[in-house]
Amino acid sequence: MDGVNGRLATAVAVLVLGLVATACEGPDGLGPSSESSKTTPTASPTPPPTPAERLALETGWGPSEDELQHAARQALRMPLRDLAGQVVVASYAGTTAPVRLVKSLHLGGVVEFDDNIVDSDQIGRVNHTLAREVGRPLVISVDQEGGLVERVGGARFPAFMAAGAADDEQLTRGAYRIMGARLASLGFTVDFAPDADVTEGPADPTIGSRSAGDDPTLVAHQAIAAADGLLSGGVLPVLKHFPGHGSVPANSHLTLPVQTRSMDWLRTHDLIPFAQGTKAGLPVVMVGHIAVQEVNPHVPASLSRPLIQGVLRDDEGFQGVVVTDSLQMKGVQVHGALPPVVRSLRAGADLMLMPPSPAGAVNAIVHAVRHGDLRKDRLQQAAARTLALLAHRAATAPRPPAPARATAAANAASRRLSAAAITSVAGPCSGALVTGKVAPLGDPSAVANFRVAAVAAGMSLGSVRYVKDPKPRRHHLPKKKYQRRLERWRDTPPRIVIRGTPVELLGPSDVVVGPVNGPVVVTTGAPYPLAQTTAGVRLAAWGNSPGPMAALVAVLQGRAKATGRLPVPVDGVRRGC
């Protein structure tokens, strides 16, 4: 009995000790739980990831943490076909609001071009109707850079190279704030500007005066100032065209440009504006159709994961929205097993701009997800970024002014920027540059706007006539002889009869000086033709619209000085006064 009792006592003791030990272990068997031990606390269980964490969304580019979380919840709940439409920004035909197109495909938005725009009043009605009828935040976008690239009339700005010539960040920020406010007043939410490309001079066939200059730091400062201005005016800016279109010798509208320089060179040149824009917290970057030989040969950046995810996001730290350049351009029409919209999403882009068929793009994205060619969470991430940015804009953008007031303010801002930018590269730096009557000739838009500015300033205008000899008559000439005489007549340009001092105005796209060649030659686009003339007075006006022409007239009369400086080198001339 005593032995039995001893063994029983031992068993009970072991059982009690075992129960105590078990009670002291946590639920994972690795340590005491918080409920069983008051003296040795442990970390609480890891909470499940938030919606934004599930989609790897980070702050620092505009949207707040709450806005990212809300957008992530929206994207995670959204049906697959709606997700696919949400990442597409389409072009459309006609001059009425494309409500049915946007609703039927659940598009993220639209981009509008000359064919959609009759005038500012009409496009304002279209945009406001579209936003009201669709009933959710949309990308309603336009290319409105200034100079050569302007879709909305009524208030035209000089080319962006004017900002480089003036080199005044405060002036640039203020001018583009007013540009943004005018676009917002017309219902736009996104402007595909500013251009952050660093031009390489005459060897750059695509960007030219759309760039602020050839100095990466100057371009970065001016692009960030312009983007800040657009944001404060109420529209979302887009830095373009990563990884840089100004140093490639081909046009991506026509072919696939290839960047043959090294990544070390690009990091000290073309990538600087994008890196600095990322540090400044700018929200959107457009990726161009440009192949970088060292990183991903023969693959445009818009379809390249090593460039979008690797360089732009991982190396530069950009967490915002990545939009492709137009998917209708030749530079992206490369062969591949998957459609460009799918390849671009796989590479890390978020918005597909202008696919040739919006419905085809949506179907291709849906098919790719269902067949394992595109992860659904990648699509959800892309949609959530845009949803968050549009919500952030809606919550923070100022109330836009009335369109008429915004237009008047924009024209005044254009005149201020133009006056600060006009550049004299040859001739006197002060005093009147012309006397007596002045006869403008050359680019028709420049001539018309010059004449209006001249009349307003009290400048006397001369005349320019183009005279052609009468068409030869056959009379009794043999047929062949008459045909040769007729061909010579057709090939002979008209004689120019000028009364007054000629002022030759080259068009924004002109690359050679016209037939008069002096005594005053003015470029309204890139300034490189000023190296080809011997004119005594040579000026860069940076645009052919009313603002640049008013600034030009003031300088010619001696009422103002040309204070700008060339932001690119031009052979044989000074940089400025």
Protein backbone atom coordinates (compact mmCIF):
# COMPACT_ATOMS: atom_id res chain seq x y z
CA MET A 1 0.00 0.00 0.00
CA ASP A 2 2.76 2.41 0.92
CA GLY A 3 4.45 1.58 -2.40
CA VAL A 4 1.25 2.16 -4.28
CA ASN A 5 0.67 5.44 -2.50
CA GLY A 6 4.23 6.55 -3.31
CA ARG A 7 3.85 5.72 -6.96
CA LEU A 8 0.47 7.50 -7.10
CA ALA A 9 1.97 10.60 -5.50
CA THR A 10 4.78 10.62 -8.00
CA ALA A 11 2.33 10.33 -10.93
CA VAL A 12 0.23 13.14 -9.61
CA ALA A 13 3.26 15.35 -9.21
CA VAL A 14 4.37 14.66 -12.78
CA LEU A 15 0.86 15.40 -14.08
CA VAL A 16 0.68 18.66 -12.18
CA LEU A 17 4.08 19.75 -13.41
CA GLY A 18 3.10 18.88 -16.96
CA LEU A 19 -0.09 20.90 -16.73
CA VAL A 20 1.82 23.86 -15.34
CA ALA A 21 4.37 23.64 -18.13
CA THR A 22 1.66 23.38 -20.78
CA ALA A 23 -0.16 26.35 -19.34
CA CYS A 24 3.02 28.39 -19.60
CA GLU A 25 3.45 27.77 -23.38
CA GLY A 26 2.01 30.10 -25.96
CA PRO A 27 -0.33 28.95 -28.73
CA ASP A 28 2.62 28.33 -31.07
CA GLY A 29 4.47 26.23 -28.50
CA LEU A 30 7.43 28.66 -28.59
CA GLY A 31 6.95 30.54 -25.35
CA PRO A 32 4.50 31.73 -22.72
CA SER A 33 1.30 33.34 -23.90
CA SER A 34 0.20 36.69 -22.62
CA GLU A 35 -2.81 35.09 -20.95
CA SER A 36 -0.79 32.54 -18.93
CA SER A 37 2.16 34.70 -17.87
CA LYS A 38 2.08 38.14 -16.32
CA THR A 39 5.82 38.37 -15.86
CA THR A 40 7.20 37.32 -19.27
CA PRO A 41 5.18 39.07 -22.01
CA THR A 42 5.66 38.15 -25.71
CA ALA A 43 4.88 39.91 -28.98
CA SER A 44 1.25 39.75 -30.06
CA PRO A 45 0.39 37.79 -33.22
CA THR A 46 1.28 39.59 -36.47
CA PRO A 47 -1.83 41.38 -37.75
CA PRO A 48 -3.00 40.59 -41.26
CA PRO A 49 -1.74 42.98 -43.96
CA THR A 50 -3.84 46.03 -44.75
CA PRO A 51 -5.37 46.37 -48.24
CA ALA A 52 -2.63 48.85 -49.21
CA GLU A 53 0.06 46.49 -47.92
CA ARG A 54 -1.44 43.62 -49.89
CA LEU A 55 -0.97 45.70 -53.06
CA ALA A 56 2.42 47.16 -52.02
CA LEU A 57 1.16 50.76 -52.15
CA GLU A 58 3.33 53.40 -50.49
CA THR A 59 2.91 57.09 -49.72
CA GLY A 60 5.21 59.93 -50.74
CA TRP A 61 3.76 60.89 -54.13
CA GLY A 62 0.49 62.58 -53.20
CA PRO A 63 -2.22 60.27 -51.81
CA SER A 64 -2.44 59.88 -48.03
CA GLU A 65 -2.40 56.55 -46.21
CA ASP A 66 -6.20 56.69 -45.84
CA GLU A 67 -6.63 57.41 -49.56
CA LEU A 68 -4.37 54.49 -50.47
CA GLN A 69 -6.26 52.15 -48.15
CA HIS A 70 -9.61 53.18 -49.58
CA ALA A 71 -8.38 52.82 -53.16
CA ALA A 72 -6.92 49.39 -52.38
CA ARG A 73 -10.25 48.22 -50.93
CA GLN A 74 -12.00 49.46 -54.06
CA ALA A 75 -9.56 47.64 -56.34
CA LEU A 76 -9.72 44.40 -54.33
CA ARG A 77 -13.53 44.38 -54.61
CA MET A 78 -13.72 45.42 -58.25
CA PRO A 79 -14.81 42.82 -60.85
CA LEU A 80 -12.09 41.69 -63.24
CA ARG A 81 -13.55 43.37 -66.34
CA ASP A 82 -13.96 46.68 -64.50
CA LEU A 83 -10.36 46.42 -63.28
CA ALA A 84 -9.20 45.94 -66.85
CA GLY A 85 -11.10 49.03 -68.01
CA GLN A 86 -9.89 51.11 -65.07
CA VAL A 87 -6.29 51.00 -66.33
CA VAL A 88 -7.14 52.15 -69.89
CA VAL A 89 -7.19 55.80 -71.03
CA ALA A 90 -8.72 55.91 -74.50
CA SER A 91 -8.88 58.32 -77.38
CA TYR A 92 -12.26 58.72 -79.07
CA ALA A 93 -13.88 60.10 -82.19
CA GLY A 94 -16.17 63.10 -82.38
CA THR A 95 -16.87 66.28 -80.46
CA THR A 96 -19.47 65.04 -77.97
CA ALA A 97 -18.93 63.47 -74.56
CA PRO A 98 -18.01 59.75 -74.93
CA VAL A 99 -20.21 58.72 -72.00
CA ARG A 100 -21.28 55.39 -73.46
CA LEU A 101 -17.70 54.36 -74.30
CA VAL A 102 -16.42 55.14 -70.81
CA LYS A 103 -19.36 53.52 -69.02
CA SER A 104 -19.52 50.36 -71.12
CA LEU A 105 -15.84 49.54 -70.63
CA HIS A 106 -15.43 51.12 -67.17
CA LEU A 107 -12.52 53.12 -68.60
CA GLY A 108 -10.12 54.98 -66.37
CA GLY A 109 -10.53 57.99 -68.62
CA VAL A 110 -9.96 59.62 -72.00
CA VAL A 111 -7.41 61.78 -73.78
CA GLU A 112 -8.56 64.56 -76.09
CA PHE A 113 -6.96 65.84 -79.29
CA ASP A 114 -7.54 68.44 -81.98
CA ASP A 115 -10.28 66.36 -83.62
CA ASN A 116 -12.27 66.39 -80.36
CA ILE A 117 -11.90 70.12 -79.70
CA VAL A 118 -13.88 72.81 -81.50
CA ASP A 119 -13.08 75.55 -79.00
CA SER A 120 -12.60 75.94 -75.27
CA ASP A 121 -16.31 76.41 -74.53
CA GLN A 122 -17.24 73.22 -76.36
CA ILE A 123 -14.55 71.04 -74.75
CA GLY A 124 -15.46 72.43 -71.34
CA ARG A 125 -19.05 71.29 -71.85
CA VAL A 126 -17.87 67.88 -73.05
CA ASN A 127 -15.63 67.34 -70.04
CA HIS A 128 -18.16 68.47 -67.47
CA THR A 129 -20.86 66.33 -69.09
CA LEU A 130 -18.59 63.29 -69.10
CA ALA A 131 -17.66 63.70 -65.43
CA ARG A 132 -21.28 64.24 -64.39
CA GLU A 133 -22.79 61.37 -66.40
CA VAL A 134 -20.15 58.79 -65.47
CA GLY A 135 -20.30 59.78 -61.81
CA ARG A 136 -16.80 58.72 -60.68
CA PRO A 137 -13.38 60.39 -60.81
CA LEU A 138 -11.84 60.13 -64.29
CA VAL A 139 -8.61 60.82 -66.08
CA ILE A 140 -9.76 63.58 -68.46
CA SER A 141 -6.49 64.43 -70.11
CA VAL A 142 -4.84 66.54 -72.78
CA ASP A 143 -1.38 67.35 -74.20
CA GLN A 144 -0.99 71.03 -73.31
CA GLU A 145 2.72 71.81 -73.10
CA GLY A 146 2.90 75.18 -74.85
CA GLY A 147 4.52 75.96 -78.19
CA LEU A 148 4.20 73.17 -80.74
CA VAL A 149 2.11 70.92 -78.49
CA GLU A 150 -1.14 72.64 -77.55
CA ARG A 151 -4.63 71.24 -78.09
CA VAL A 152 -6.83 73.82 -76.35
CA GLY A 153 -6.92 77.25 -77.94
CA GLY A 154 -7.82 80.62 -76.50
CA ALA A 155 -4.73 81.03 -74.33
CA ARG A 156 -1.48 79.84 -75.85
CA PHE A 157 1.86 79.59 -74.07
CA PRO A 158 5.38 79.71 -75.52
CA ALA A 159 7.36 76.51 -75.93
CA PHE A 160 8.78 75.03 -72.73
CA MET A 161 12.26 76.09 -73.83
CA ALA A 162 11.10 79.60 -72.92
CA ALA A 163 11.16 78.49 -69.28
CA GLY A 164 14.77 77.44 -69.74
CA ALA A 165 15.63 80.75 -71.40
CA ALA A 166 14.03 82.79 -68.60
CA ASP A 167 15.48 80.42 -65.94
CA ASP A 168 13.19 81.71 -63.20
CA GLU A 169 11.56 78.88 -61.26
CA GLN A 170 9.12 81.17 -59.50
CA LEU A 171 7.98 82.63 -62.83
CA THR A 172 7.61 79.14 -64.32
CA ARG A 173 5.67 77.87 -61.33
CA GLY A 174 3.31 80.83 -61.47
CA ALA A 175 2.74 80.58 -65.22
CA TYR A 176 1.96 76.87 -65.09
CA ARG A 177 -0.27 77.31 -62.06
CA ILE A 178 -2.41 79.61 -64.18
CA MET A 179 -2.25 77.16 -67.10
CA GLY A 180 -3.41 74.39 -64.74
CA ALA A 181 -6.23 76.51 -63.34
CA ARG A 182 -7.51 77.18 -66.86
CA LEU A 183 -7.43 73.49 -67.76
CA ALA A 184 -9.21 72.65 -64.51
CA SER A 185 -11.86 75.25 -65.29
CA LEU A 186 -12.53 73.33 -68.52
CA GLY A 187 -12.92 70.02 -66.69
CA PHE A 188 -9.49 68.51 -67.32
CA THR A 189 -7.91 66.50 -64.51
CA VAL A 190 -4.57 65.53 -66.11
CA ASP A 191 -2.12 67.41 -68.35
CA PHE A 192 0.55 65.35 -70.11
CA ALA A 193 3.19 67.97 -69.31
CA PRO A 194 5.84 69.09 -68.55
CA ASP A 195 8.48 67.63 -70.82
CA ALA A 196 11.43 66.47 -68.68
CA ASP A 197 13.60 65.42 -71.62
CA VAL A 198 17.13 66.83 -71.88
CA THR A 199 17.60 67.84 -75.52
CA GLU A 200 20.84 67.19 -77.34
CA GLY A 201 20.48 70.04 -79.79
CA PRO A 202 20.00 69.76 -83.57
CA ALA A 203 20.64 65.99 -83.40
CA ASP A 204 17.37 65.66 -81.47
CA PRO A 205 14.64 65.29 -84.12
CA THR A 206 11.67 64.91 -81.79
CA ILE A 207 11.79 67.09 -78.68
CA GLY A 208 13.55 70.32 -79.66
CA SER A 209 11.94 73.38 -78.07
CA ARG A 210 9.62 71.15 -76.02
CA SER A 211 12.60 70.69 -73.69
CA ALA A 212 13.79 73.38 -71.30
CA GLY A 213 17.38 72.92 -72.50
CA ASP A 214 20.48 70.76 -72.67
CA ASP A 215 21.53 71.07 -69.01
CA PRO A 216 20.01 68.24 -66.90
CA THR A 217 19.89 70.36 -63.76
CA LEU A 218 18.19 73.27 -65.53
CA VAL A 219 15.67 70.89 -67.09
CA ALA A 220 14.99 69.26 -63.72
CA HIS A 221 14.41 72.59 -61.95
CA GLN A 222 12.13 73.96 -64.65
CA ALA A 223 10.18 70.71 -65.07
CA ILE A 224 9.58 70.42 -61.32
CA ALA A 225 8.55 74.08 -61.11
CA ALA A 226 6.09 73.62 -63.99
CA ALA A 227 4.71 70.41 -62.46
CA ASP A 228 4.29 72.08 -59.07
CA GLY A 229 2.45 74.90 -60.80
CA LEU A 230 0.06 72.58 -62.64
CA LEU A 231 -0.65 70.72 -59.39
CA SER A 232 -1.39 73.91 -57.47
CA GLY A 233 -3.64 74.99 -60.34
CA GLY A 234 -5.74 71.86 -60.03
CA VAL A 235 -4.54 69.37 -62.65
CA LEU A 236 -2.20 66.40 -62.32
CA PRO A 237 1.14 66.88 -64.12
CA VAL A 238 3.01 64.12 -65.95
CA LEU A 239 6.81 64.09 -66.28
CA LYS A 240 7.74 62.66 -69.67
CA HIS A 241 9.33 60.73 -71.47
CA PHE A 242 11.29 58.35 -69.19
CA PRO A 243 14.13 57.35 -69.65
CA GLY A 244 14.66 60.45 -71.84
CA HIS A 245 13.77 61.18 -75.47
CA GLY A 246 16.07 64.16 -76.08
CA SER A 247 19.26 62.19 -76.71
CA VAL A 248 18.03 59.54 -79.14
CA PRO A 249 18.29 60.21 -82.89
CA ALA A 250 14.88 58.85 -83.90
CA ASN A 251 11.20 59.66 -83.41
CA SER A 252 9.19 57.05 -81.49
CA HIS A 253 6.07 58.06 -83.41
CA LEU A 254 7.73 56.51 -86.46
CA THR A 255 10.11 53.82 -85.18
CA LEU A 256 11.73 52.41 -82.02
CA PRO A 257 14.57 54.73 -80.93
CA VAL A 258 17.53 52.95 -79.37
CA GLN A 259 19.54 54.53 -76.57
CA THR A 260 23.09 53.23 -77.00
CA ARG A 261 24.70 55.17 -74.15
CA SER A 262 25.52 53.48 -70.87
CA MET A 263 23.40 53.56 -67.73
CA ASP A 264 26.23 55.44 -66.00
CA TRP A 265 25.87 58.20 -68.61
CA LEU A 266 22.07 58.22 -68.34
CA ARG A 267 22.22 58.55 -64.54
CA THR A 268 24.27 61.74 -64.92
CA HIS A 269 22.18 63.13 -67.77
CA ASP A 270 18.75 62.01 -69.01
CA LEU A 271 17.59 60.42 -65.73
CA ILE A 272 18.35 63.43 -63.52
CA PRO A 273 14.99 65.22 -64.05
CA PHE A 274 13.08 62.02 -63.27
CA ALA A 275 15.19 61.28 -60.19
CA GLN A 276 14.73 64.81 -58.87
CA GLY A 277 11.03 64.74 -59.74
CA THR A 278 10.67 61.57 -57.67
CA LYS A 279 12.40 63.24 -54.71
CA ALA A 280 10.03 66.18 -55.11
CA GLY A 281 7.05 63.82 -54.73
CA LEU A 282 5.58 64.29 -58.19
CA PRO A 283 2.74 61.86 -58.90
CA VAL A 284 2.96 60.62 -62.51
CA VAL A 285 5.70 59.63 -64.96
CA MET A 286 5.13 58.81 -68.64
CA VAL A 287 7.34 56.03 -69.98
CA GLY A 288 8.38 56.39 -73.59
CA HIS A 289 8.84 53.85 -76.35
CA ILE A 290 12.64 53.94 -76.19
CA ALA A 291 14.91 50.90 -75.97
CA VAL A 292 17.97 51.10 -73.71
CA GLN A 293 20.56 48.82 -75.23
CA GLU A 294 22.45 48.12 -72.01
CA VAL A 295 19.37 47.20 -70.00
CA ASN A 296 16.83 45.57 -72.29
CA PRO A 297 17.85 45.51 -75.98
CA HIS A 298 15.13 45.87 -78.60
CA VAL A 299 12.39 46.30 -75.96
CA PRO A 300 10.78 49.73 -75.50
CA ALA A 301 10.91 51.11 -71.97
CA SER A 302 7.11 51.08 -71.90
CA LEU A 303 7.22 47.26 -72.03
CA SER A 304 10.42 46.71 -70.04
CA ARG A 305 10.27 45.46 -66.45
CA PRO A 306 14.03 46.05 -65.96
CA LEU A 307 13.45 49.74 -66.79
CA ILE A 308 10.07 50.42 -65.15
CA GLN A 309 10.31 48.22 -62.08
CA GLY A 310 14.09 48.01 -61.94
CA VAL A 311 15.34 51.51 -62.75
CA LEU A 312 12.35 53.81 -62.18
CA ARG A 313 10.79 52.14 -59.15
CA ASP A 314 13.58 50.17 -57.42
CA ASP A 315 16.57 52.40 -58.20
CA GLU A 316 14.92 55.84 -58.27
CA GLY A 317 12.23 55.04 -55.70
CA PHE A 318 9.23 56.22 -57.71
CA GLN A 319 5.98 54.88 -56.20
CA GLY A 320 3.43 56.87 -58.18
CA VAL A 321 1.45 56.23 -61.34
CA VAL A 322 3.32 55.14 -64.47
CA VAL A 323 1.51 55.85 -67.73
CA THR A 324 2.65 54.66 -71.15
CA ASP A 325 3.10 56.94 -74.11
CA SER A 326 0.47 56.39 -76.80
CA LEU A 327 0.15 52.71 -77.65
CA GLN A 328 -0.71 53.70 -81.21
CA MET A 329 2.85 54.85 -81.91
CA LYS A 330 5.18 52.83 -84.13
CA GLY A 331 7.82 52.61 -81.42
CA VAL A 332 5.72 50.16 -79.39
CA GLN A 333 4.56 47.99 -82.28
CA VAL A 334 7.12 45.28 -81.54
CA HIS A 335 6.59 41.58 -81.99
CA GLY A 336 5.77 39.54 -78.91
CA ALA A 337 3.64 36.68 -77.69
CA LEU A 338 1.51 39.00 -75.54
CA PRO A 339 -0.30 42.25 -76.47
CA PRO A 340 1.47 45.50 -75.53
CA VAL A 341 -1.12 46.34 -72.83
CA VAL A 342 -0.41 43.06 -71.05
CA ARG A 343 3.35 43.36 -71.42
CA SER A 344 3.26 46.92 -70.09
CA LEU A 345 1.23 45.94 -67.03
CA ARG A 346 3.60 43.04 -66.37
CA ALA A 347 6.50 45.50 -66.61
CA GLY A 348 5.03 47.72 -63.88
CA ALA A 349 3.07 50.41 -65.73
CA ASP A 350 -0.34 51.44 -64.37
CA LEU A 351 -2.19 53.29 -67.14
CA MET A 352 -2.39 52.22 -70.77
CA LEU A 353 -2.67 55.31 -72.96
CA MET A 354 -4.53 55.16 -76.28
CA PRO A 355 -4.53 51.48 -77.18
CA PRO A 356 -5.69 51.14 -80.81
CA SER A 357 -8.88 49.42 -79.63
CA PRO A 358 -10.07 50.17 -76.07
CA ALA A 359 -12.40 47.15 -76.09
CA GLY A 360 -9.62 44.97 -77.48
CA ALA A 361 -7.29 46.16 -74.72
CA VAL A 362 -9.83 45.37 -72.00
CA ASN A 363 -10.45 41.91 -73.47
CA ALA A 364 -6.72 41.22 -73.73
CA ILE A 365 -6.16 42.13 -70.08
CA VAL A 366 -9.06 39.95 -68.90
CA HIS A 367 -7.82 37.04 -71.01
CA ALA A 368 -4.28 37.43 -69.62
CA VAL A 369 -5.46 37.29 -66.01
CA ARG A 370 -7.71 34.28 -66.60
CA HIS A 371 -4.96 32.36 -68.39
CA GLY A 372 -2.15 33.16 -65.95
CA ASP A 373 -0.24 35.62 -68.12
CA LEU A 374 -0.89 38.55 -65.74
CA ARG A 375 -1.26 38.40 -61.98
CA LYS A 376 -4.54 39.79 -60.76
CA ASP A 377 -2.88 41.56 -57.84
CA ARG A 378 -0.62 43.42 -60.33
CA LEU A 379 -3.74 44.64 -62.12
CA GLN A 380 -5.34 45.56 -58.79
CA GLN A 381 -2.22 47.49 -57.80
CA ALA A 382 -2.26 49.45 -61.08
CA ALA A 383 -5.95 50.32 -60.69
CA ALA A 384 -5.54 51.28 -57.03
CA ARG A 385 -2.75 53.74 -57.76
CA THR A 386 -4.90 55.67 -60.23
CA LEU A 387 -7.99 55.51 -57.99
CA ALA A 388 -5.97 56.89 -55.07
CA LEU A 389 -4.47 59.70 -57.15
CA LEU A 390 -7.82 60.80 -58.58
CA ALA A 391 -9.36 60.75 -55.09
CA HIS A 392 -6.45 62.81 -53.77
CA ARG A 393 -6.85 65.36 -56.53
CA ALA A 394 -10.60 65.62 -55.90
CA ALA A 395 -9.94 66.23 -52.20
CA THR A 396 -7.12 68.76 -52.54
CA ALA A 397 -7.50 70.66 -55.83
CA PRO A 398 -8.63 74.28 -55.49
CA ARG A 399 -11.97 75.32 -56.84
CA PRO A 400 -11.32 76.33 -60.47
CA PRO A 401 -12.01 79.88 -61.61
CA ALA A 402 -14.63 80.74 -64.18
CA PRO A 403 -13.35 79.82 -67.67
CA ALA A 404 -13.40 83.39 -69.01
CA ARG A 405 -11.43 84.68 -66.03
CA ALA A 406 -9.01 81.76 -66.29
CA THR A 407 -8.43 82.47 -70.00
CA ALA A 408 -7.64 86.13 -69.36
CA ALA A 409 -5.22 85.18 -66.58
CA ALA A 410 -3.54 82.59 -68.80
CA ASN A 411 -2.95 85.08 -71.60
CA ALA A 412 -1.39 87.50 -69.12
CA ALA A 413 0.84 84.71 -67.74
CA SER A 414 1.94 83.80 -71.26
CA ARG A 415 2.95 87.42 -71.92
CA ARG A 416 4.99 87.56 -68.69
CA LEU A 417 6.85 84.34 -69.43
CA SER A 418 7.45 85.38 -73.04
CA ALA A 419 8.80 88.80 -72.00
CA ALA A 420 11.28 87.19 -69.61
CA ALA A 421 12.37 84.57 -72.15
CA ILE A 422 12.95 86.49 -75.39
CA THR A 423 16.63 86.21 -76.26
CA SER A 424 18.95 88.36 -78.36
CA VAL A 425 21.91 86.49 -79.86
CA ALA A 426 23.09 89.18 -82.30
CA GLY A 427 22.57 92.93 -82.58
CA PRO A 428 22.23 95.75 -80.01
CA CYS A 429 21.11 94.83 -76.51
CA SER A 430 19.14 98.04 -75.95
CA GLY A 431 17.37 100.76 -77.86
CA ALA A 432 15.15 100.46 -80.90
CA LEU A 433 16.21 97.67 -83.26
CA VAL A 434 14.07 98.85 -86.19
CA THR A 435 12.95 102.22 -87.45
CA GLY A 436 10.21 103.30 -89.80
CA LYS A 437 7.75 100.78 -91.17
CA VAL A 438 8.19 97.10 -90.33
CA ALA A 439 7.18 94.30 -92.69
CA PRO A 440 6.73 90.90 -91.01
CA LEU A 441 6.92 87.81 -93.22
CA GLY A 442 7.29 84.07 -92.85
CA ASP A 443 5.22 81.80 -90.60
CA PRO A 444 1.55 82.76 -91.14
CA SER A 445 0.50 82.44 -87.48
CA ALA A 446 3.49 84.44 -86.31
CA VAL A 447 2.88 87.13 -88.92
CA ALA A 448 -0.80 87.48 -87.99
CA ASN A 449 -0.05 87.72 -84.26
CA PHE A 450 2.87 90.08 -84.86
CA ARG A 451 0.66 92.45 -86.84
CA VAL A 452 -1.95 92.52 -84.05
CA ALA A 453 0.73 93.23 -81.43
CA ALA A 454 2.36 95.88 -83.65
CA VAL A 455 -0.89 97.77 -84.18
CA ALA A 456 -1.62 97.66 -80.44
CA ALA A 457 1.87 99.05 -79.73
CA GLY A 458 1.67 101.81 -82.35
CA MET A 459 4.29 100.30 -84.67
CA SER A 460 4.02 101.33 -88.33
CA LEU A 461 3.53 98.36 -90.62
CA GLY A 462 4.78 98.02 -94.14
CA SER A 463 3.71 95.43 -96.67
CA VAL A 464 4.88 92.18 -98.19
CA ARG A 465 3.66 91.04 -101.60
CA TYR A 466 4.47 87.86 -103.45
CA VAL A 467 4.54 88.54 -107.21
CA LYS A 468 4.68 85.82 -109.86
CA ASP A 469 5.12 86.46 -113.56
CA PRO A 470 2.06 85.73 -115.72
CA LYS A 471 1.56 82.16 -116.78
CA PRO A 472 3.15 81.66 -120.22
CA ARG A 473 0.83 81.30 -123.21
CA ARG A 474 1.38 78.72 -125.86
CA HIS A 475 0.56 80.78 -128.93
CA HIS A 476 2.34 79.00 -131.77
CA LEU A 477 5.05 77.30 -129.69
CA PRO A 478 5.67 73.60 -130.28
CA LYS A 479 4.12 71.47 -127.56
CA LYS A 480 7.39 70.26 -126.03
CA LYS A 481 8.90 73.74 -125.93
CA TYR A 482 5.75 75.10 -124.30
CA GLN A 483 5.79 72.31 -121.70
CA ARG A 484 9.39 73.14 -120.77
CA ARG A 485 8.54 76.85 -120.45
CA LEU A 486 5.49 76.01 -118.33
CA GLU A 487 7.56 73.79 -116.01
CA ARG A 488 10.15 76.57 -115.54
CA TRP A 489 7.36 78.98 -114.66
CA ARG A 490 5.92 76.56 -112.11
CA ASP A 491 9.35 75.96 -110.54
CA THR A 492 10.20 79.66 -110.25
CA PRO A 493 9.19 81.02 -106.83
CA PRO A 494 7.36 84.33 -106.68
CA ARG A 495 9.35 87.50 -106.16
CA ILE A 496 8.95 89.12 -102.76
CA VAL A 497 8.19 92.82 -102.86
CA ILE A 498 8.74 94.37 -99.43
CA ARG A 499 7.95 97.89 -98.28
CA GLY A 500 9.52 98.54 -94.89
CA THR A 501 12.14 96.79 -92.77
CA PRO A 502 11.65 93.04 -93.18
CA VAL A 503 11.32 90.97 -90.00
CA GLU A 504 11.55 87.32 -90.94
CA LEU A 505 9.58 85.07 -88.57
CA LEU A 506 10.56 81.40 -88.80
CA GLY A 507 7.88 78.88 -87.86
CA PRO A 508 8.16 76.60 -84.80
CA SER A 509 9.18 73.66 -87.00
CA ASP A 510 11.41 75.58 -89.42
CA VAL A 511 15.02 74.43 -89.53
CA VAL A 512 16.35 76.79 -92.22
CA VAL A 513 16.23 80.52 -92.76
CA GLY A 514 13.87 81.76 -95.46
CA PRO A 515 14.64 83.64 -98.67
CA VAL A 516 15.00 87.16 -97.27
CA ASN A 517 17.66 86.43 -94.62
CA GLY A 518 17.71 89.74 -92.81
CA PRO A 519 18.08 92.32 -91.50
CA VAL A 520 16.00 90.86 -88.61
CA VAL A 521 15.53 87.11 -88.23
CA VAL A 522 13.44 85.64 -85.42
CA THR A 523 12.95 81.98 -84.49
CA THR A 524 9.68 80.93 -82.87
CA GLY A 525 10.75 77.35 -82.15
CA ALA A 526 14.21 75.88 -81.54
CA PRO A 527 16.88 78.58 -82.09
CA TYR A 528 19.33 76.57 -84.22
CA PRO A 529 18.54 78.35 -87.55
CA LEU A 530 20.01 81.53 -86.05
CA ALA A 531 23.43 80.05 -86.81
CA GLN A 532 22.65 79.99 -90.54
CA THR A 533 21.92 83.68 -91.09
CA THR A 534 24.07 86.78 -91.29
CA ALA A 535 21.23 89.05 -90.21
CA GLY A 536 22.37 91.91 -88.00
CA VAL A 537 19.58 91.32 -85.48
CA ARG A 538 18.80 87.76 -84.42
CA LEU A 539 16.25 86.92 -81.76
CA ALA A 540 14.66 83.81 -80.27
CA ALA A 541 11.00 84.40 -79.34
CA TRP A 542 10.08 80.78 -78.37
CA GLY A 543 6.59 80.87 -79.85
CA ASN A 544 4.38 82.25 -82.60
CA SER A 545 1.36 83.00 -80.41
CA PRO A 546 0.23 86.44 -79.14
CA GLY A 547 2.39 86.45 -76.00
CA PRO A 548 5.75 85.88 -77.71
CA MET A 549 4.87 88.26 -80.54
CA ALA A 550 3.92 91.03 -78.11
CA ALA A 551 7.27 90.52 -76.33
CA LEU A 552 9.08 90.66 -79.69
CA VAL A 553 7.42 93.93 -80.73
CA ALA A 554 8.37 95.52 -77.39
CA VAL A 555 12.03 94.54 -77.87
CA LEU A 556 12.12 95.75 -81.49
CA GLN A 557 10.72 99.11 -80.42
CA GLY A 558 13.25 99.42 -77.59
CA ARG A 559 10.52 99.50 -74.92
CA ALA A 560 11.90 96.33 -73.34
CA LYS A 561 15.20 94.46 -73.22
CA ALA A 562 15.71 90.86 -74.28
CA THR A 563 16.74 89.32 -70.95
CA GLY A 564 16.61 85.62 -71.82
CA ARG A 565 19.61 83.40 -72.44
CA LEU A 566 19.92 80.48 -74.83
CA PRO A 567 19.43 77.23 -72.86
CA VAL A 568 21.12 75.35 -75.73
CA PRO A 569 24.27 76.23 -77.68
CA VAL A 570 23.96 77.78 -81.15
CA ASP A 571 27.10 78.06 -83.24
CA GLY A 572 28.52 81.52 -83.92
CA VAL A 573 26.23 83.57 -81.66
CA ARG A 574 26.22 84.76 -78.08
CA ARG A 575 24.00 83.17 -75.43
CA GLY A 576 22.19 86.45 -74.74
CA CYS A 577 22.64 90.06 -73.70
